[in-house]
Amino acid sequence: MSFDSYKTIGEVLKEFTITATEANYILETDTVIREAFKEDLEFCLREFTVEESEYAICETIIFPL
């Protein structure tokens, strides 16, 4: 069965007899964010539009992290 045959997570769980658990597994930590990074991020969010290239915008936002 191809991956696109499944429409919900529930269908996959049932088909493969597995269980899923939802939990908050990422712990929040205080981090100092450089001002230059904040400015770059604000610029990207303000100036880029999804119509230009969603992939490029995602990469621009993610690569500094």
C-alpha atoms as a PDB file:
ATOM      1  CA  MET A   1       0.000   0.000   0.000  1.00  0.00           C
ATOM      2  CA  SER A   2       1.455   3.375  -0.943  1.00  0.00           C
ATOM      3  CA  PHE A   3       1.904   6.175   1.563  1.00  0.00           C
ATOM      4  CA  ASP A   4      -0.744   8.343  -0.060  1.00  0.00           C
ATOM      5  CA  SER A   5      -3.354   5.633   0.523  1.00  0.00           C
ATOM      6  CA  TYR A   6      -3.552   6.666   4.172  1.00  0.00           C
ATOM      7  CA  LYS A   7      -5.708   9.683   4.879  1.00  0.00           C
ATOM      8  CA  THR A   8      -5.349   9.824   8.668  1.00  0.00           C
ATOM      9  CA  ILE A   9      -2.869   8.811  11.344  1.00  0.00           C
ATOM     10  CA  GLY A  10      -5.577   6.555  12.748  1.00  0.00           C
ATOM     11  CA  GLU A  11      -5.597   4.480   9.552  1.00  0.00           C
ATOM     12  CA  VAL A  12      -1.846   3.930   9.809  1.00  0.00           C
ATOM     13  CA  LEU A  13      -2.062   2.991  13.486  1.00  0.00           C
ATOM     14  CA  LYS A  14      -4.782   0.457  12.779  1.00  0.00           C
ATOM     15  CA  GLU A  15      -3.074  -1.031   9.706  1.00  0.00           C
ATOM     16  CA  PHE A  16       0.252  -1.620  11.457  1.00  0.00           C
ATOM     17  CA  THR A  17      -1.132  -2.334  14.949  1.00  0.00           C
ATOM     18  CA  ILE A  18       0.875   0.417  16.597  1.00  0.00           C
ATOM     19  CA  THR A  19       0.092   3.154  19.086  1.00  0.00           C
ATOM     20  CA  ALA A  20       0.888   6.830  19.067  1.00  0.00           C
ATOM     21  CA  THR A  21       1.664   8.997  22.063  1.00  0.00           C
ATOM     22  CA  GLU A  22       1.457  12.763  22.115  1.00  0.00           C
ATOM     23  CA  ALA A  23       3.648  14.552  24.630  1.00  0.00           C
ATOM     24  CA  ASN A  24       5.631  17.718  25.127  1.00  0.00           C
ATOM     25  CA  TYR A  25       9.122  16.325  24.663  1.00  0.00           C
ATOM     26  CA  ILE A  26      10.948  19.556  23.868  1.00  0.00           C
ATOM     27  CA  LEU A  27      11.937  21.439  26.993  1.00  0.00           C
ATOM     28  CA  GLU A  28      11.793  25.212  26.936  1.00  0.00           C
ATOM     29  CA  THR A  29      15.047  26.943  27.777  1.00  0.00           C
ATOM     30  CA  ASP A  30      15.943  30.580  28.089  1.00  0.00           C
ATOM     31  CA  THR A  31      18.162  31.618  25.206  1.00  0.00           C
ATOM     32  CA  VAL A  32      19.746  34.906  24.308  1.00  0.00           C
ATOM     33  CA  ILE A  33      18.895  35.790  20.722  1.00  0.00           C
ATOM     34  CA  ARG A  34      21.263  38.150  18.945  1.00  0.00           C
ATOM     35  CA  GLU A  35      19.704  41.411  17.795  1.00  0.00           C
ATOM     36  CA  ALA A  36      21.056  40.883  14.262  1.00  0.00           C
ATOM     37  CA  PHE A  37      19.200  37.559  14.034  1.00  0.00           C
ATOM     38  CA  LYS A  38      15.951  39.185  15.189  1.00  0.00           C
ATOM     39  CA  GLU A  39      16.349  41.895  12.563  1.00  0.00           C
ATOM     40  CA  ASP A  40      17.050  39.358   9.801  1.00  0.00           C
ATOM     41  CA  LEU A  41      14.040  37.273  10.801  1.00  0.00           C
ATOM     42  CA  GLU A  42      11.743  40.300  10.928  1.00  0.00           C
ATOM     43  CA  PHE A  43      12.985  41.335   7.481  1.00  0.00           C
ATOM     44  CA  CYS A  44      12.319  37.880   6.012  1.00  0.00           C
ATOM     45  CA  LEU A  45       8.838  37.690   7.497  1.00  0.00           C
ATOM     46  CA  ARG A  46       7.991  41.196   6.310  1.00  0.00           C
ATOM     47  CA  GLU A  47       9.532  41.221   2.818  1.00  0.00           C
ATOM     48  CA  PHE A  48       9.184  37.690   1.427  1.00  0.00           C
ATOM     49  CA  THR A  49       5.904  36.339   0.135  1.00  0.00           C
ATOM     50  CA  VAL A  50       4.944  32.695  -0.205  1.00  0.00           C
ATOM     51  CA  GLU A  51       4.176  33.289  -3.871  1.00  0.00           C
ATOM     52  CA  GLU A  52       7.881  33.922  -4.557  1.00  0.00           C
ATOM     53  CA  SER A  53       9.125  30.554  -3.294  1.00  0.00           C
ATOM     54  CA  GLU A  54       7.857  28.866  -0.163  1.00  0.00           C
ATOM     55  CA  TYR A  55      10.898  26.567  -0.088  1.00  0.00           C
ATOM     56  CA  ALA A  56      13.361  29.453  -0.343  1.00  0.00           C
ATOM     57  CA  ILE A  57      11.599  31.387   2.398  1.00  0.00           C
ATOM     58  CA  CYS A  58      11.624  28.372   4.729  1.00  0.00           C
ATOM     59  CA  GLU A  59      15.330  27.853   4.097  1.00  0.00           C
ATOM     60  CA  THR A  60      16.051  31.538   4.707  1.00  0.00           C
ATOM     61  CA  ILE A  61      14.311  31.408   8.064  1.00  0.00           C
ATOM     62  CA  ILE A  62      15.767  28.049   9.148  1.00  0.00           C
ATOM     63  CA  PHE A  63      19.433  28.213   8.058  1.00  0.00           C
ATOM     64  CA  PRO A  64      20.565  30.696  10.759  1.00  0.00           C
ATOM     65  CA  LEU A  65      19.245  28.373  13.452  1.00  0.00           C
END
